[in-house]
Structure formats: C-alpha cells, structure tokens
Amino acid sequence: MPDLVFTRRFSMGHRLIHGASESCALPHGHNEFVTVRLAPCTPARLDGRGNMPVSFQKAKSTWHRFIDERIDHALQLAEDDPLLGWFQTHEPARAARIVVTPGDPTTELMTCLLMAKVNAFLKAEGGALRCTELSLEETPTNTVSFSGDPAEFIPLGRPPAECWWNRADMSIADPAG
C-alpha cells in the first residue's frame, strides 16, 4: 500500500540546560524540516476510482495547521527551565507560545513528541492513517528519525491523557497543575 510522505519547514528556538553542551544552554534557534510518513491502518486495494486511501489534503491539513500556527517560531523549553517561569510571570501572553517538554527539548525528544501528536490527530480524524516514521532535520547535517511507539521513549511523569502530545488539539503545553 502506498505511504503518504510530506514535509513542513518551521523556525524554532530552544535551549538545553541539562548538560548537552554549554553553547546549547543559551537560547538559540534552527530552521527545521519535519517529515512524516503515513500508512493506512488497514491496507486495502485501491478502489479504481479515487485511488488513494485518504487525500493528501485531508491527511495533512490539521498537521500543517499545527506546525504553522503552534510550532513555527515557538520557543521550546524544559518544564523545569527557570526561563519558563520567568515568561509565565513577566510575559504570560508570550509564554503561551512556548512548547513545554519533559526534560530538555532535544531533537530526539521532539521527534517522539511530534510523532505522538500527529498520531493523536490522525486517530481523532477517523484512524484511517497512522504515522509510521517521523524525521526532524535540525541542521543540514543533523537529522533524527523515529519509527515505533513514541510512548516507549518519552519520559514518564504524568498520565498520558494529561500530556499535550497525546491530545488531538492545538496545545503545546499542559495547564499548570
């Protein structure tokens, strides 16, 4: 069965405070490309008319809106980063544009979180497709690809239903508890 593959470009900023390298502890940014590979959940013969399991437009519209409206030009911070608290106190409107992650927002972690998010969208849209691989190109020489179940790799901490990446909405952070 043919897979659907599409790529979206976005700009982002982040910092890694838990030891990646001192230069990564300062806020910095990348222009990234995210590529998803979608496969039918139930492979079937093409119908001889439309000849596609789901149209590209239907398959990508929610995902592209999420990337364009919520991920593009967002700041990615660990949930224990003091900079997050500063934004929440001093610039709460801008804090709403911060992607909050369980630990440092590395490319490896973001690949898993984004794969969980796209699968949440696909499930909510009827479950005809699932993401089988997601690649995140941080720089022209560094890309992380993931295939498998992201829940097996995302750090534990809260029940899955409480995590933004498991919800089929436009959230990029969880409400403060």
N, C-alpha and C. Protein backbone atom coordinates (compact mmCIF):
# COMPACT_ATOMS: atom_id res chain seq x y z
N MET A 1 0.85 -1.18 0.00
CA MET A 1 0.00 0.00 0.00
C MET A 1 0.89 1.23 0.00
N PRO A 2 0.59 2.21 -0.82
CA PRO A 2 1.42 3.42 -0.85
C PRO A 2 1.33 4.19 0.47
N ASP A 3 2.48 4.72 0.89
CA ASP A 3 2.53 5.61 2.04
C ASP A 3 2.41 7.05 1.54
N LEU A 4 1.92 7.92 2.40
CA LEU A 4 1.90 9.35 2.13
C LEU A 4 3.06 9.97 2.90
N VAL A 5 3.85 10.78 2.23
CA VAL A 5 5.01 11.42 2.87
C VAL A 5 4.94 12.91 2.57
N PHE A 6 5.02 13.72 3.61
CA PHE A 6 5.08 15.16 3.38
C PHE A 6 5.95 15.83 4.42
N THR A 7 6.47 16.99 4.01
CA THR A 7 7.47 17.73 4.79
C THR A 7 6.96 19.15 5.01
N ARG A 8 7.28 19.66 6.17
CA ARG A 8 6.94 21.05 6.52
C ARG A 8 8.19 21.69 7.12
N ARG A 9 8.43 22.96 6.83
CA ARG A 9 9.55 23.70 7.38
C ARG A 9 9.03 24.64 8.46
N PHE A 10 9.82 24.80 9.51
CA PHE A 10 9.48 25.76 10.55
C PHE A 10 10.74 26.28 11.20
N SER A 11 10.62 27.42 11.85
CA SER A 11 11.72 28.00 12.62
C SER A 11 11.38 27.85 14.09
N MET A 12 12.40 27.63 14.90
CA MET A 12 12.17 27.43 16.33
C MET A 12 13.37 27.92 17.11
N GLY A 13 13.15 28.10 18.41
CA GLY A 13 14.23 28.40 19.33
C GLY A 13 14.13 27.44 20.50
N HIS A 14 15.27 27.14 21.11
CA HIS A 14 15.25 26.30 22.30
C HIS A 14 16.55 26.51 23.07
N ARG A 15 16.61 25.88 24.22
CA ARG A 15 17.87 25.78 24.94
C ARG A 15 17.86 24.47 25.70
N LEU A 16 19.04 23.91 25.87
CA LEU A 16 19.20 22.61 26.54
C LEU A 16 20.03 22.85 27.79
N ILE A 17 19.39 22.78 28.96
CA ILE A 17 20.06 23.18 30.20
C ILE A 17 20.61 22.01 31.01
N HIS A 18 20.36 20.80 30.56
CA HIS A 18 20.75 19.64 31.36
C HIS A 18 22.00 18.93 30.84
N GLY A 19 22.96 19.69 30.31
CA GLY A 19 24.26 19.11 30.06
C GLY A 19 24.63 18.75 28.65
N ALA A 20 23.84 19.09 27.63
CA ALA A 20 24.21 18.75 26.26
C ALA A 20 25.55 19.40 25.91
N SER A 21 25.63 20.68 26.07
CA SER A 21 26.87 21.45 25.93
C SER A 21 26.56 22.86 26.40
N GLU A 22 27.58 23.56 26.81
CA GLU A 22 27.36 24.91 27.33
C GLU A 22 26.78 25.82 26.25
N SER A 23 27.22 25.67 25.01
CA SER A 23 26.68 26.54 23.95
C SER A 23 25.19 26.28 23.72
N CYS A 24 24.72 25.07 23.96
CA CYS A 24 23.30 24.76 23.78
C CYS A 24 22.45 25.23 24.96
N ALA A 25 23.09 25.64 26.06
CA ALA A 25 22.35 26.13 27.23
C ALA A 25 21.85 27.56 27.02
N LEU A 26 22.42 28.26 26.06
CA LEU A 26 21.93 29.59 25.72
C LEU A 26 20.81 29.45 24.68
N PRO A 27 19.79 30.30 24.77
CA PRO A 27 18.73 30.22 23.76
C PRO A 27 19.32 30.42 22.35
N HIS A 28 18.92 29.55 21.45
CA HIS A 28 19.37 29.62 20.06
C HIS A 28 18.29 28.99 19.19
N GLY A 29 18.43 29.10 17.90
CA GLY A 29 17.37 28.60 17.04
C GLY A 29 17.87 27.82 15.84
N HIS A 30 16.93 27.18 15.19
CA HIS A 30 17.18 26.40 13.98
C HIS A 30 16.01 26.58 13.03
N ASN A 31 16.29 26.39 11.76
CA ASN A 31 15.24 26.26 10.75
C ASN A 31 15.14 24.77 10.46
N GLU A 32 14.05 24.16 10.86
CA GLU A 32 13.93 22.71 10.82
C GLU A 32 12.93 22.26 9.76
N PHE A 33 13.09 21.01 9.36
CA PHE A 33 12.15 20.34 8.47
C PHE A 33 11.62 19.11 9.18
N VAL A 34 10.30 18.98 9.22
CA VAL A 34 9.69 17.78 9.80
C VAL A 34 9.03 17.01 8.66
N THR A 35 9.36 15.73 8.56
CA THR A 35 8.81 14.87 7.52
C THR A 35 8.07 13.73 8.19
N VAL A 36 6.83 13.51 7.77
CA VAL A 36 6.04 12.41 8.30
C VAL A 36 5.73 11.42 7.19
N ARG A 37 5.73 10.15 7.57
CA ARG A 37 5.33 9.06 6.67
C ARG A 37 4.07 8.44 7.25
N LEU A 38 2.99 8.49 6.48
CA LEU A 38 1.70 7.97 6.93
C LEU A 38 1.34 6.73 6.12
N ALA A 39 0.81 5.74 6.82
CA ALA A 39 0.39 4.49 6.18
C ALA A 39 -1.04 4.19 6.60
N PRO A 40 -1.79 3.52 5.73
CA PRO A 40 -3.13 3.11 6.11
C PRO A 40 -3.08 2.15 7.30
N CYS A 41 -4.01 2.29 8.23
CA CYS A 41 -4.08 1.37 9.36
C CYS A 41 -4.56 0.00 8.91
N THR A 42 -5.41 -0.02 7.90
CA THR A 42 -5.90 -1.28 7.33
C THR A 42 -5.61 -1.24 5.83
N PRO A 43 -4.51 -1.85 5.40
CA PRO A 43 -4.19 -1.83 3.97
C PRO A 43 -5.33 -2.46 3.16
N ALA A 44 -5.61 -1.84 2.03
CA ALA A 44 -6.67 -2.33 1.16
C ALA A 44 -6.33 -1.96 -0.28
N ARG A 45 -6.91 -2.70 -1.19
CA ARG A 45 -6.72 -2.43 -2.62
C ARG A 45 -7.30 -1.04 -2.94
N LEU A 46 -6.63 -0.31 -3.83
CA LEU A 46 -7.17 0.96 -4.29
C LEU A 46 -8.50 0.70 -4.99
N ASP A 47 -9.40 1.68 -4.94
CA ASP A 47 -10.79 1.44 -5.34
C ASP A 47 -11.07 1.54 -6.84
N GLY A 48 -10.10 1.93 -7.64
CA GLY A 48 -10.33 2.02 -9.08
C GLY A 48 -10.99 3.32 -9.50
N ARG A 49 -11.28 4.19 -8.55
CA ARG A 49 -11.88 5.50 -8.85
C ARG A 49 -10.95 6.59 -8.32
N GLY A 50 -11.04 6.90 -7.05
CA GLY A 50 -10.19 7.93 -6.45
C GLY A 50 -8.75 7.46 -6.28
N ASN A 51 -8.57 6.16 -6.06
CA ASN A 51 -7.27 5.51 -5.98
C ASN A 51 -6.31 6.10 -4.95
N MET A 52 -6.85 6.44 -3.79
CA MET A 52 -6.00 6.84 -2.67
C MET A 52 -6.75 6.52 -1.39
N PRO A 53 -6.02 6.06 -0.37
CA PRO A 53 -6.70 5.72 0.89
C PRO A 53 -7.32 6.95 1.55
N VAL A 54 -6.60 8.08 1.51
CA VAL A 54 -7.07 9.36 2.05
C VAL A 54 -6.39 10.43 1.20
N SER A 55 -7.09 11.49 0.87
CA SER A 55 -6.47 12.55 0.07
C SER A 55 -5.34 13.22 0.85
N PHE A 56 -4.34 13.70 0.11
CA PHE A 56 -3.26 14.44 0.76
C PHE A 56 -3.83 15.60 1.57
N GLN A 57 -4.78 16.32 1.00
CA GLN A 57 -5.36 17.47 1.69
C GLN A 57 -5.93 17.08 3.04
N LYS A 58 -6.72 16.02 3.08
CA LYS A 58 -7.31 15.59 4.34
C LYS A 58 -6.24 15.08 5.31
N ALA A 59 -5.27 14.35 4.78
CA ALA A 59 -4.24 13.75 5.63
C ALA A 59 -3.35 14.79 6.28
N LYS A 60 -3.10 15.90 5.60
CA LYS A 60 -2.10 16.84 6.12
C LYS A 60 -2.66 18.14 6.69
N SER A 61 -3.94 18.43 6.51
CA SER A 61 -4.42 19.77 6.86
C SER A 61 -4.29 20.10 8.34
N THR A 62 -4.71 19.23 9.24
CA THR A 62 -4.61 19.53 10.68
C THR A 62 -3.15 19.60 11.11
N TRP A 63 -2.35 18.66 10.62
CA TRP A 63 -0.93 18.62 10.97
C TRP A 63 -0.24 19.90 10.51
N HIS A 64 -0.45 20.31 9.29
CA HIS A 64 0.20 21.52 8.79
C HIS A 64 -0.27 22.75 9.56
N ARG A 65 -1.53 22.80 9.91
CA ARG A 65 -2.03 23.93 10.71
C ARG A 65 -1.32 23.96 12.07
N PHE A 66 -1.15 22.79 12.71
CA PHE A 66 -0.45 22.71 13.99
C PHE A 66 0.99 23.21 13.85
N ILE A 67 1.69 22.74 12.83
CA ILE A 67 3.08 23.17 12.64
C ILE A 67 3.12 24.68 12.37
N ASP A 68 2.28 25.16 11.46
CA ASP A 68 2.32 26.57 11.07
C ASP A 68 1.89 27.52 12.18
N GLU A 69 0.87 27.14 12.94
CA GLU A 69 0.30 28.06 13.94
C GLU A 69 0.87 27.88 15.34
N ARG A 70 1.38 26.71 15.67
CA ARG A 70 1.80 26.46 17.05
C ARG A 70 3.31 26.17 17.19
N ILE A 71 3.91 25.49 16.23
CA ILE A 71 5.32 25.11 16.34
C ILE A 71 6.24 26.15 15.70
N ASP A 72 5.83 26.69 14.56
CA ASP A 72 6.66 27.67 13.86
C ASP A 72 6.86 28.91 14.74
N HIS A 73 8.11 29.29 14.90
CA HIS A 73 8.52 30.44 15.70
C HIS A 73 8.17 30.31 17.18
N ALA A 74 8.01 29.10 17.66
CA ALA A 74 7.80 28.88 19.09
C ALA A 74 9.15 28.65 19.77
N LEU A 75 9.18 28.89 21.06
CA LEU A 75 10.34 28.60 21.89
C LEU A 75 10.07 27.27 22.58
N GLN A 76 11.06 26.38 22.58
CA GLN A 76 10.94 25.08 23.23
C GLN A 76 11.78 25.07 24.50
N LEU A 77 11.13 24.79 25.64
CA LEU A 77 11.83 24.78 26.93
C LEU A 77 11.43 23.56 27.74
N ALA A 78 12.36 23.08 28.56
CA ALA A 78 12.06 22.01 29.51
C ALA A 78 11.10 22.54 30.57
N GLU A 79 10.25 21.65 31.07
CA GLU A 79 9.26 22.07 32.07
C GLU A 79 9.90 22.59 33.36
N ASP A 80 11.17 22.25 33.62
CA ASP A 80 11.85 22.76 34.81
C ASP A 80 12.84 23.88 34.49
N ASP A 81 12.78 24.44 33.31
CA ASP A 81 13.67 25.53 32.92
C ASP A 81 13.21 26.81 33.62
N PRO A 82 14.09 27.50 34.37
CA PRO A 82 13.70 28.74 35.04
C PRO A 82 13.21 29.82 34.08
N LEU A 83 13.63 29.76 32.84
CA LEU A 83 13.18 30.74 31.85
C LEU A 83 11.67 30.62 31.60
N LEU A 84 11.13 29.41 31.71
CA LEU A 84 9.69 29.20 31.56
C LEU A 84 8.93 29.97 32.64
N GLY A 85 9.38 29.85 33.88
CA GLY A 85 8.75 30.58 34.99
C GLY A 85 8.83 32.08 34.80
N TRP A 86 9.97 32.55 34.27
CA TRP A 86 10.11 33.98 34.02
C TRP A 86 9.04 34.44 33.02
N PHE A 87 8.90 33.72 31.92
CA PHE A 87 7.89 34.10 30.92
C PHE A 87 6.48 34.04 31.52
N GLN A 88 6.19 33.01 32.29
CA GLN A 88 4.85 32.87 32.87
C GLN A 88 4.53 34.04 33.80
N THR A 89 5.54 34.56 34.50
CA THR A 89 5.35 35.68 35.43
C THR A 89 5.35 37.03 34.72
N HIS A 90 6.32 37.25 33.84
CA HIS A 90 6.54 38.58 33.27
C HIS A 90 5.94 38.79 31.88
N GLU A 91 5.77 37.74 31.12
CA GLU A 91 5.21 37.86 29.77
C GLU A 91 4.28 36.69 29.49
N PRO A 92 3.16 36.60 30.22
CA PRO A 92 2.28 35.44 30.09
C PRO A 92 1.72 35.24 28.68
N ALA A 93 1.50 36.30 27.94
CA ALA A 93 1.00 36.13 26.57
C ALA A 93 2.04 35.43 25.70
N ARG A 94 3.31 35.77 25.90
CA ARG A 94 4.36 35.10 25.14
C ARG A 94 4.61 33.69 25.66
N ALA A 95 4.35 33.45 26.92
CA ALA A 95 4.51 32.10 27.49
C ALA A 95 3.60 31.10 26.78
N ALA A 96 2.49 31.58 26.26
CA ALA A 96 1.57 30.70 25.54
C ALA A 96 2.17 30.16 24.25
N ARG A 97 3.28 30.75 23.79
CA ARG A 97 3.96 30.30 22.57
C ARG A 97 5.15 29.40 22.88
N ILE A 98 5.24 28.92 24.11
CA ILE A 98 6.36 28.06 24.50
C ILE A 98 5.93 26.60 24.49
N VAL A 99 6.68 25.79 23.74
CA VAL A 99 6.49 24.34 23.74
C VAL A 99 7.19 23.82 25.00
N VAL A 100 6.44 23.19 25.88
CA VAL A 100 6.99 22.72 27.16
C VAL A 100 7.18 21.21 27.09
N THR A 101 8.40 20.78 27.40
CA THR A 101 8.76 19.36 27.24
C THR A 101 9.22 18.74 28.56
N PRO A 102 9.09 17.42 28.69
CA PRO A 102 9.58 16.72 29.88
C PRO A 102 11.09 16.52 29.79
N GLY A 103 11.85 17.47 30.29
CA GLY A 103 13.30 17.47 30.13
C GLY A 103 13.67 18.33 28.93
N ASP A 104 14.96 18.36 28.62
CA ASP A 104 15.43 19.21 27.53
C ASP A 104 14.72 18.90 26.22
N PRO A 105 14.37 19.95 25.46
CA PRO A 105 13.70 19.77 24.17
C PRO A 105 14.70 19.42 23.06
N THR A 106 15.32 18.27 23.20
CA THR A 106 16.27 17.81 22.19
C THR A 106 15.53 17.41 20.92
N THR A 107 16.27 17.30 19.84
CA THR A 107 15.66 16.85 18.59
C THR A 107 15.13 15.43 18.76
N GLU A 108 15.83 14.60 19.52
CA GLU A 108 15.37 13.23 19.77
C GLU A 108 14.01 13.22 20.47
N LEU A 109 13.87 14.03 21.52
CA LEU A 109 12.60 14.09 22.24
C LEU A 109 11.51 14.69 21.37
N MET A 110 11.80 15.79 20.69
CA MET A 110 10.78 16.44 19.86
C MET A 110 10.29 15.51 18.76
N THR A 111 11.17 14.67 18.23
CA THR A 111 10.74 13.70 17.22
C THR A 111 9.66 12.79 17.79
N CYS A 112 9.87 12.29 19.00
CA CYS A 112 8.87 11.41 19.64
C CYS A 112 7.59 12.17 19.98
N LEU A 113 7.72 13.38 20.54
CA LEU A 113 6.53 14.15 20.91
C LEU A 113 5.70 14.50 19.68
N LEU A 114 6.36 14.91 18.61
CA LEU A 114 5.63 15.27 17.39
C LEU A 114 4.98 14.06 16.74
N MET A 115 5.64 12.90 16.81
CA MET A 115 5.01 11.70 16.27
C MET A 115 3.77 11.33 17.07
N ALA A 116 3.84 11.44 18.39
CA ALA A 116 2.65 11.17 19.22
C ALA A 116 1.54 12.15 18.86
N LYS A 117 1.88 13.43 18.63
CA LYS A 117 0.87 14.44 18.32
C LYS A 117 0.21 14.17 16.98
N VAL A 118 0.99 13.88 15.94
CA VAL A 118 0.37 13.61 14.64
C VAL A 118 -0.52 12.38 14.72
N ASN A 119 -0.12 11.36 15.48
CA ASN A 119 -0.97 10.18 15.62
C ASN A 119 -2.24 10.48 16.40
N ALA A 120 -2.19 11.40 17.36
CA ALA A 120 -3.41 11.81 18.06
C ALA A 120 -4.37 12.49 17.09
N PHE A 121 -3.84 13.35 16.22
CA PHE A 121 -4.69 14.00 15.21
C PHE A 121 -5.31 12.96 14.28
N LEU A 122 -4.49 12.03 13.80
CA LEU A 122 -4.98 11.03 12.85
C LEU A 122 -6.05 10.14 13.47
N LYS A 123 -5.85 9.76 14.71
CA LYS A 123 -6.84 8.93 15.40
C LYS A 123 -8.16 9.69 15.54
N ALA A 124 -8.09 10.96 15.91
CA ALA A 124 -9.31 11.77 16.08
C ALA A 124 -10.03 12.00 14.75
N GLU A 125 -9.30 11.91 13.66
CA GLU A 125 -9.89 12.12 12.33
C GLU A 125 -10.37 10.83 11.70
N GLY A 126 -10.56 9.80 12.51
CA GLY A 126 -11.14 8.56 12.00
C GLY A 126 -10.21 7.37 12.01
N GLY A 127 -8.93 7.59 12.20
CA GLY A 127 -8.00 6.48 12.34
C GLY A 127 -7.71 5.70 11.07
N ALA A 128 -7.92 6.28 9.90
CA ALA A 128 -7.62 5.56 8.66
C ALA A 128 -6.11 5.48 8.41
N LEU A 129 -5.37 6.46 8.95
CA LEU A 129 -3.92 6.52 8.76
C LEU A 129 -3.22 6.56 10.11
N ARG A 130 -1.93 6.17 10.08
CA ARG A 130 -1.07 6.31 11.26
C ARG A 130 0.31 6.73 10.78
N CYS A 131 1.00 7.45 11.62
CA CYS A 131 2.36 7.86 11.29
C CYS A 131 3.30 6.70 11.63
N THR A 132 4.04 6.25 10.64
CA THR A 132 4.97 5.14 10.85
C THR A 132 6.41 5.61 11.01
N GLU A 133 6.68 6.84 10.59
CA GLU A 133 8.02 7.39 10.74
C GLU A 133 7.93 8.91 10.74
N LEU A 134 8.73 9.53 11.59
CA LEU A 134 8.84 10.99 11.61
C LEU A 134 10.31 11.34 11.67
N SER A 135 10.74 12.25 10.80
CA SER A 135 12.12 12.73 10.79
C SER A 135 12.11 14.22 11.05
N LEU A 136 13.07 14.65 11.84
CA LEU A 136 13.22 16.06 12.17
C LEU A 136 14.65 16.47 11.83
N GLU A 137 14.79 17.32 10.82
CA GLU A 137 16.10 17.81 10.41
C GLU A 137 16.37 19.10 11.15
N GLU A 138 17.34 19.04 12.07
CA GLU A 138 17.70 20.22 12.86
C GLU A 138 18.63 21.14 12.08
N THR A 139 19.58 20.54 11.40
CA THR A 139 20.52 21.27 10.54
C THR A 139 20.71 20.42 9.28
N PRO A 140 21.33 20.96 8.25
CA PRO A 140 21.56 20.14 7.05
C PRO A 140 22.39 18.89 7.31
N THR A 141 23.11 18.84 8.42
CA THR A 141 23.94 17.66 8.71
C THR A 141 23.44 16.83 9.89
N ASN A 142 22.36 17.24 10.56
CA ASN A 142 21.84 16.51 11.73
C ASN A 142 20.34 16.28 11.60
N THR A 143 19.95 15.03 11.51
CA THR A 143 18.54 14.64 11.43
C THR A 143 18.30 13.49 12.39
N VAL A 144 17.16 13.50 13.05
CA VAL A 144 16.73 12.38 13.88
C VAL A 144 15.47 11.81 13.24
N SER A 145 15.47 10.49 13.03
CA SER A 145 14.30 9.79 12.51
C SER A 145 13.82 8.82 13.56
N PHE A 146 12.50 8.66 13.65
CA PHE A 146 11.93 7.74 14.63
C PHE A 146 10.83 6.93 13.97
N SER A 147 10.83 5.64 14.24
CA SER A 147 9.71 4.77 13.88
C SER A 147 9.48 3.87 15.08
N GLY A 148 8.25 3.58 15.36
CA GLY A 148 7.91 2.79 16.53
C GLY A 148 6.86 3.49 17.35
N ASP A 149 6.78 3.12 18.60
CA ASP A 149 5.79 3.70 19.51
C ASP A 149 6.47 4.77 20.35
N PRO A 150 6.14 6.04 20.15
CA PRO A 150 6.81 7.10 20.91
C PRO A 150 6.59 6.98 22.41
N ALA A 151 5.48 6.38 22.84
CA ALA A 151 5.21 6.24 24.27
C ALA A 151 6.28 5.40 24.97
N GLU A 152 6.97 4.56 24.22
CA GLU A 152 8.03 3.73 24.81
C GLU A 152 9.31 4.52 25.06
N PHE A 153 9.41 5.74 24.55
CA PHE A 153 10.64 6.52 24.66
C PHE A 153 10.46 7.85 25.37
N ILE A 154 9.25 8.39 25.36
CA ILE A 154 9.01 9.68 26.02
C ILE A 154 9.13 9.49 27.52
N PRO A 155 9.84 10.39 28.22
CA PRO A 155 9.98 10.26 29.68
C PRO A 155 8.62 10.18 30.37
N LEU A 156 8.58 9.37 31.41
CA LEU A 156 7.36 9.22 32.20
C LEU A 156 7.24 10.39 33.17
N GLY A 157 6.06 10.64 33.65
CA GLY A 157 5.89 11.73 34.61
C GLY A 157 4.44 11.98 34.94
N ARG A 158 3.60 11.97 33.93
CA ARG A 158 2.17 12.21 34.12
C ARG A 158 1.39 11.15 33.36
N PRO A 159 0.13 10.97 33.73
CA PRO A 159 -0.70 10.06 32.93
C PRO A 159 -0.76 10.55 31.48
N PRO A 160 -0.74 9.64 30.51
CA PRO A 160 -0.72 10.04 29.10
C PRO A 160 -1.82 11.02 28.70
N ALA A 161 -3.01 10.90 29.27
CA ALA A 161 -4.11 11.80 28.89
C ALA A 161 -3.85 13.24 29.30
N GLU A 162 -2.92 13.46 30.23
CA GLU A 162 -2.60 14.81 30.69
C GLU A 162 -1.50 15.49 29.88
N CYS A 163 -0.97 14.80 28.89
CA CYS A 163 0.18 15.30 28.13
C CYS A 163 -0.26 15.88 26.79
N TRP A 164 0.19 17.09 26.49
CA TRP A 164 -0.24 17.78 25.27
C TRP A 164 0.00 16.97 24.01
N TRP A 165 1.07 16.21 23.97
CA TRP A 165 1.42 15.46 22.76
C TRP A 165 0.47 14.29 22.50
N ASN A 166 -0.32 13.91 23.48
CA ASN A 166 -1.29 12.83 23.29
C ASN A 166 -2.70 13.33 23.00
N ARG A 167 -2.88 14.64 22.96
CA ARG A 167 -4.21 15.22 22.74
C ARG A 167 -4.35 15.74 21.31
N ALA A 168 -5.49 15.51 20.71
CA ALA A 168 -5.76 15.95 19.34
C ALA A 168 -6.29 17.38 19.35
N ASP A 169 -5.51 18.27 19.95
CA ASP A 169 -5.85 19.69 19.96
C ASP A 169 -4.59 20.48 19.61
N MET A 170 -4.66 21.76 19.62
CA MET A 170 -3.53 22.59 19.22
C MET A 170 -2.59 22.93 20.39
N SER A 171 -2.69 22.21 21.49
CA SER A 171 -1.87 22.53 22.66
C SER A 171 -0.41 22.17 22.44
N ILE A 172 0.47 22.97 23.08
CA ILE A 172 1.91 22.74 23.06
C ILE A 172 2.48 22.74 24.48
N ALA A 173 1.60 22.82 25.45
CA ALA A 173 1.99 22.79 26.86
C ALA A 173 0.77 22.31 27.64
N ASP A 174 1.02 21.89 28.87
CA ASP A 174 -0.07 21.45 29.72
C ASP A 174 -0.39 22.54 30.73
N PRO A 175 -1.66 22.66 31.12
CA PRO A 175 -2.01 23.67 32.13
C PRO A 175 -1.21 23.44 33.41
N ALA A 176 -0.82 24.52 34.04
CA ALA A 176 -0.10 24.40 35.32
C ALA A 176 -0.99 23.71 36.32
N GLY A 177 -0.42 22.72 37.02
CA GLY A 177 -1.21 21.92 37.94
C GLY A 177 -1.39 22.56 39.25
